[in-house]
Amino acid sequence: MKKEELQKLEEEEHRKFHRRMIYIVIVILMFLFGGATFYYYAEQWRYLDAVYFSAYTMTTVGYGDIVPKTDLGKIFTIFYVFAGVGIALYGLTVISSHFVEVNW
């Protein structure tokens, strides 16, 4: 394989990675603000509190200073945690695998 062909393949892989990262960031932000919007309406929280709760729930920090009070909010949170943690871990996995591949 020629050097130019190899360089072209590496550039294409790099572009694919950046495209994938953009999609992951968009999905994370949509999920974050989608959850915040739900909590804003269902729990009657201030929007900043709803974003704060959504962010620390997605990252499994779980301070416990804000908790859902309604049954609908609690049920939503059960599914939100599983999906949010999965999405966040997928993004972290993609980033870390890229750095491992680049450094080796």
N, C-alpha and C. Protein backbone atom coordinates (compact mmCIF):
# COMPACT_ATOMS: atom_id res chain seq x y z
N MET A 1 0.84 -1.17 0.00
CA MET A 1 0.00 0.00 0.00
C MET A 1 0.90 1.25 0.00
N LYS A 2 0.56 2.18 -0.81
CA LYS A 2 1.36 3.40 -0.92
C LYS A 2 1.11 4.30 0.28
N LYS A 3 2.09 5.16 0.52
CA LYS A 3 2.01 6.08 1.64
C LYS A 3 0.82 7.02 1.52
N GLU A 4 0.55 7.48 0.30
CA GLU A 4 -0.58 8.40 0.08
C GLU A 4 -1.91 7.71 0.36
N GLU A 5 -2.01 6.45 -0.05
CA GLU A 5 -3.25 5.70 0.19
C GLU A 5 -3.47 5.48 1.68
N LEU A 6 -2.40 5.18 2.38
CA LEU A 6 -2.49 4.97 3.82
C LEU A 6 -2.88 6.26 4.53
N GLN A 7 -2.31 7.36 4.11
CA GLN A 7 -2.64 8.65 4.71
C GLN A 7 -4.09 9.02 4.42
N LYS A 8 -4.55 8.71 3.22
CA LYS A 8 -5.93 8.99 2.86
C LYS A 8 -6.90 8.17 3.71
N LEU A 9 -6.57 6.90 3.95
CA LEU A 9 -7.40 6.06 4.81
C LEU A 9 -7.44 6.58 6.24
N GLU A 10 -6.30 7.02 6.74
CA GLU A 10 -6.24 7.56 8.10
C GLU A 10 -7.08 8.83 8.22
N GLU A 11 -7.02 9.69 7.21
CA GLU A 11 -7.82 10.91 7.23
C GLU A 11 -9.31 10.58 7.19
N GLU A 12 -9.70 9.59 6.41
CA GLU A 12 -11.10 9.19 6.33
C GLU A 12 -11.57 8.63 7.68
N GLU A 13 -10.74 7.83 8.33
CA GLU A 13 -11.08 7.30 9.65
C GLU A 13 -11.23 8.44 10.66
N HIS A 14 -10.36 9.42 10.56
CA HIS A 14 -10.42 10.56 11.46
C HIS A 14 -11.72 11.34 11.25
N ARG A 15 -12.12 11.53 9.99
CA ARG A 15 -13.38 12.21 9.69
C ARG A 15 -14.57 11.42 10.22
N LYS A 16 -14.53 10.09 10.07
CA LYS A 16 -15.61 9.25 10.58
C LYS A 16 -15.73 9.38 12.09
N PHE A 17 -14.58 9.41 12.77
CA PHE A 17 -14.60 9.55 14.22
C PHE A 17 -15.25 10.88 14.62
N HIS A 18 -14.86 11.97 13.96
CA HIS A 18 -15.42 13.27 14.29
C HIS A 18 -16.92 13.32 14.02
N ARG A 19 -17.35 12.73 12.93
CA ARG A 19 -18.77 12.66 12.62
C ARG A 19 -19.52 11.89 13.71
N ARG A 20 -18.94 10.76 14.11
CA ARG A 20 -19.55 9.94 15.15
C ARG A 20 -19.64 10.70 16.47
N MET A 21 -18.58 11.44 16.80
CA MET A 21 -18.57 12.21 18.04
C MET A 21 -19.63 13.32 18.01
N ILE A 22 -19.81 13.94 16.87
CA ILE A 22 -20.84 14.97 16.75
C ILE A 22 -22.22 14.36 16.99
N TYR A 23 -22.48 13.20 16.41
CA TYR A 23 -23.76 12.53 16.62
C TYR A 23 -23.95 12.16 18.09
N ILE A 24 -22.91 11.68 18.74
CA ILE A 24 -23.01 11.30 20.15
C ILE A 24 -23.31 12.52 21.02
N VAL A 25 -22.62 13.62 20.77
CA VAL A 25 -22.84 14.84 21.54
C VAL A 25 -24.27 15.33 21.33
N ILE A 26 -24.75 15.29 20.10
CA ILE A 26 -26.12 15.72 19.82
C ILE A 26 -27.12 14.84 20.57
N VAL A 27 -26.91 13.53 20.55
CA VAL A 27 -27.83 12.62 21.25
C VAL A 27 -27.79 12.88 22.75
N ILE A 28 -26.60 13.07 23.31
CA ILE A 28 -26.49 13.34 24.75
C ILE A 28 -27.20 14.63 25.12
N LEU A 29 -26.99 15.68 24.32
CA LEU A 29 -27.65 16.95 24.61
C LEU A 29 -29.17 16.86 24.46
N MET A 30 -29.62 16.15 23.43
CA MET A 30 -31.07 15.97 23.26
C MET A 30 -31.65 15.21 24.44
N PHE A 31 -30.95 14.17 24.87
CA PHE A 31 -31.43 13.37 26.00
C PHE A 31 -31.42 14.20 27.28
N LEU A 32 -30.37 14.97 27.47
CA LEU A 32 -30.26 15.81 28.66
C LEU A 32 -31.39 16.84 28.72
N PHE A 33 -31.57 17.58 27.64
CA PHE A 33 -32.59 18.62 27.64
C PHE A 33 -34.01 18.06 27.49
N GLY A 34 -34.13 16.89 26.88
CA GLY A 34 -35.43 16.23 26.84
C GLY A 34 -35.87 15.81 28.23
N GLY A 35 -34.95 15.23 28.98
CA GLY A 35 -35.26 14.86 30.37
C GLY A 35 -35.55 16.09 31.21
N ALA A 36 -34.77 17.14 31.02
CA ALA A 36 -34.99 18.37 31.78
C ALA A 36 -36.37 18.96 31.47
N THR A 37 -36.77 18.92 30.22
CA THR A 37 -38.09 19.43 29.86
C THR A 37 -39.18 18.60 30.50
N PHE A 38 -39.00 17.29 30.53
CA PHE A 38 -39.98 16.44 31.20
C PHE A 38 -40.10 16.82 32.68
N TYR A 39 -38.97 16.92 33.37
CA TYR A 39 -39.01 17.24 34.80
C TYR A 39 -39.54 18.65 35.05
N TYR A 40 -39.28 19.55 34.14
CA TYR A 40 -39.79 20.91 34.26
C TYR A 40 -41.32 20.91 34.31
N TYR A 41 -41.93 20.13 33.43
CA TYR A 41 -43.39 20.09 33.39
C TYR A 41 -43.99 19.10 34.40
N ALA A 42 -43.43 17.92 34.50
CA ALA A 42 -44.03 16.88 35.35
C ALA A 42 -43.81 17.16 36.84
N GLU A 43 -42.64 17.67 37.19
CA GLU A 43 -42.32 17.91 38.60
C GLU A 43 -42.46 19.38 38.99
N GLN A 44 -42.73 20.25 38.01
CA GLN A 44 -42.86 21.69 38.26
C GLN A 44 -41.59 22.28 38.86
N TRP A 45 -40.43 21.82 38.37
CA TRP A 45 -39.14 22.34 38.83
C TRP A 45 -38.74 23.53 37.96
N ARG A 46 -37.85 24.36 38.50
CA ARG A 46 -37.23 25.38 37.66
C ARG A 46 -36.40 24.65 36.60
N TYR A 47 -36.24 25.27 35.42
CA TYR A 47 -35.56 24.56 34.34
C TYR A 47 -34.10 24.26 34.69
N LEU A 48 -33.44 25.17 35.38
CA LEU A 48 -32.05 24.93 35.79
C LEU A 48 -31.96 23.72 36.73
N ASP A 49 -32.89 23.61 37.65
CA ASP A 49 -32.92 22.45 38.54
C ASP A 49 -33.16 21.16 37.76
N ALA A 50 -34.02 21.24 36.76
CA ALA A 50 -34.31 20.05 35.94
C ALA A 50 -33.10 19.62 35.13
N VAL A 51 -32.35 20.59 34.58
CA VAL A 51 -31.13 20.25 33.84
C VAL A 51 -30.09 19.68 34.79
N TYR A 52 -29.96 20.29 35.94
CA TYR A 52 -29.02 19.83 36.97
C TYR A 52 -29.33 18.38 37.36
N PHE A 53 -30.60 18.10 37.64
CA PHE A 53 -31.01 16.74 38.02
C PHE A 53 -30.75 15.76 36.87
N SER A 54 -31.08 16.15 35.66
CA SER A 54 -30.88 15.28 34.50
C SER A 54 -29.40 14.97 34.30
N ALA A 55 -28.55 15.98 34.45
CA ALA A 55 -27.11 15.79 34.25
C ALA A 55 -26.53 14.85 35.30
N TYR A 56 -26.85 15.07 36.56
CA TYR A 56 -26.24 14.20 37.56
C TYR A 56 -26.90 12.83 37.61
N THR A 57 -28.09 12.71 37.07
CA THR A 57 -28.71 11.39 36.97
C THR A 57 -28.07 10.59 35.84
N MET A 58 -27.83 11.25 34.71
CA MET A 58 -27.19 10.57 33.57
C MET A 58 -25.78 10.10 33.90
N THR A 59 -25.09 10.83 34.76
CA THR A 59 -23.72 10.48 35.09
C THR A 59 -23.62 9.66 36.37
N THR A 60 -24.72 9.24 36.92
CA THR A 60 -24.85 8.41 38.13
C THR A 60 -24.25 9.05 39.37
N VAL A 61 -24.16 10.37 39.41
CA VAL A 61 -23.65 11.03 40.61
C VAL A 61 -24.68 10.92 41.72
N GLY A 62 -25.91 11.35 41.47
CA GLY A 62 -27.02 11.17 42.39
C GLY A 62 -26.83 11.78 43.76
N TYR A 63 -26.73 13.10 43.84
CA TYR A 63 -26.55 13.77 45.13
C TYR A 63 -27.75 13.55 46.06
N GLY A 64 -28.95 13.52 45.51
CA GLY A 64 -30.14 13.33 46.34
C GLY A 64 -30.73 14.62 46.86
N ASP A 65 -30.19 15.76 46.45
CA ASP A 65 -30.73 17.03 46.92
C ASP A 65 -32.05 17.38 46.23
N ILE A 66 -32.24 16.87 45.02
CA ILE A 66 -33.49 17.04 44.29
C ILE A 66 -33.95 15.64 43.89
N VAL A 67 -35.19 15.32 44.20
CA VAL A 67 -35.71 14.00 43.83
C VAL A 67 -37.12 14.16 43.28
N PRO A 68 -37.52 13.28 42.35
CA PRO A 68 -38.89 13.35 41.84
C PRO A 68 -39.90 13.03 42.95
N LYS A 69 -40.99 13.77 42.96
CA LYS A 69 -42.02 13.56 43.97
C LYS A 69 -43.25 12.84 43.42
N THR A 70 -43.51 13.00 42.12
CA THR A 70 -44.69 12.37 41.53
C THR A 70 -44.38 10.95 41.09
N ASP A 71 -45.41 10.13 41.00
CA ASP A 71 -45.23 8.76 40.52
C ASP A 71 -44.75 8.74 39.08
N LEU A 72 -45.29 9.64 38.27
CA LEU A 72 -44.87 9.72 36.86
C LEU A 72 -43.38 10.07 36.77
N GLY A 73 -42.94 11.00 37.60
CA GLY A 73 -41.53 11.39 37.61
C GLY A 73 -40.63 10.25 38.05
N LYS A 74 -41.08 9.49 39.03
CA LYS A 74 -40.28 8.36 39.52
C LYS A 74 -40.17 7.26 38.47
N ILE A 75 -41.28 6.96 37.80
CA ILE A 75 -41.27 5.93 36.75
C ILE A 75 -40.38 6.38 35.59
N PHE A 76 -40.52 7.64 35.19
CA PHE A 76 -39.69 8.17 34.11
C PHE A 76 -38.21 8.08 34.48
N THR A 77 -37.89 8.39 35.72
CA THR A 77 -36.49 8.39 36.17
C THR A 77 -35.89 7.00 36.09
N ILE A 78 -36.66 5.97 36.37
CA ILE A 78 -36.16 4.60 36.27
C ILE A 78 -35.64 4.33 34.87
N PHE A 79 -36.44 4.66 33.87
CA PHE A 79 -36.03 4.42 32.48
C PHE A 79 -34.96 5.41 32.03
N TYR A 80 -35.06 6.64 32.54
CA TYR A 80 -34.10 7.68 32.18
C TYR A 80 -32.69 7.31 32.64
N VAL A 81 -32.58 6.74 33.83
CA VAL A 81 -31.27 6.36 34.36
C VAL A 81 -30.65 5.29 33.47
N PHE A 82 -31.38 4.24 33.18
CA PHE A 82 -30.81 3.15 32.37
C PHE A 82 -30.41 3.64 30.98
N ALA A 83 -31.26 4.39 30.33
CA ALA A 83 -30.95 4.88 28.99
C ALA A 83 -29.83 5.93 29.04
N GLY A 84 -29.91 6.85 29.98
CA GLY A 84 -28.92 7.91 30.08
C GLY A 84 -27.52 7.40 30.40
N VAL A 85 -27.43 6.46 31.31
CA VAL A 85 -26.13 5.89 31.64
C VAL A 85 -25.57 5.14 30.44
N GLY A 86 -26.41 4.42 29.74
CA GLY A 86 -25.96 3.71 28.53
C GLY A 86 -25.43 4.65 27.47
N ILE A 87 -26.15 5.73 27.24
CA ILE A 87 -25.72 6.72 26.24
C ILE A 87 -24.40 7.37 26.66
N ALA A 88 -24.31 7.78 27.92
CA ALA A 88 -23.08 8.43 28.41
C ALA A 88 -21.89 7.47 28.35
N LEU A 89 -22.09 6.22 28.73
CA LEU A 89 -21.00 5.25 28.68
C LEU A 89 -20.58 4.94 27.25
N TYR A 90 -21.53 4.90 26.33
CA TYR A 90 -21.19 4.68 24.93
C TYR A 90 -20.29 5.82 24.42
N GLY A 91 -20.66 7.05 24.73
CA GLY A 91 -19.85 8.19 24.32
C GLY A 91 -18.45 8.13 24.90
N LEU A 92 -18.34 7.79 26.17
CA LEU A 92 -17.04 7.67 26.82
C LEU A 92 -16.22 6.55 26.20
N THR A 93 -16.86 5.45 25.86
CA THR A 93 -16.18 4.33 25.22
C THR A 93 -15.62 4.70 23.86
N VAL A 94 -16.40 5.42 23.08
CA VAL A 94 -15.95 5.83 21.75
C VAL A 94 -14.75 6.76 21.86
N ILE A 95 -14.82 7.70 22.79
CA ILE A 95 -13.71 8.64 22.97
C ILE A 95 -12.45 7.91 23.42
N SER A 96 -12.58 7.06 24.43
CA SER A 96 -11.40 6.36 24.95
C SER A 96 -10.81 5.39 23.94
N SER A 97 -11.64 4.71 23.17
CA SER A 97 -11.11 3.78 22.15
C SER A 97 -10.36 4.54 21.06
N HIS A 98 -10.83 5.73 20.74
CA HIS A 98 -10.13 6.55 19.74
C HIS A 98 -8.74 6.92 20.23
N PHE A 99 -8.63 7.35 21.49
CA PHE A 99 -7.33 7.75 22.02
C PHE A 99 -6.40 6.55 22.15
N VAL A 100 -6.92 5.39 22.46
CA VAL A 100 -6.09 4.19 22.53
C VAL A 100 -5.55 3.85 21.14
N GLU A 101 -6.40 3.92 20.13
CA GLU A 101 -5.98 3.61 18.77
C GLU A 101 -4.97 4.63 18.24
N VAL A 102 -5.17 5.90 18.56
CA VAL A 102 -4.27 6.94 18.07
C VAL A 102 -2.90 6.82 18.73
N ASN A 103 -2.88 6.52 20.00
CA ASN A 103 -1.61 6.46 20.74
C ASN A 103 -0.84 5.16 20.47
N TRP A 104 -1.45 4.14 19.99
CA TRP A 104 -0.73 2.89 19.73
C TRP A 104 -0.28 2.92 18.32
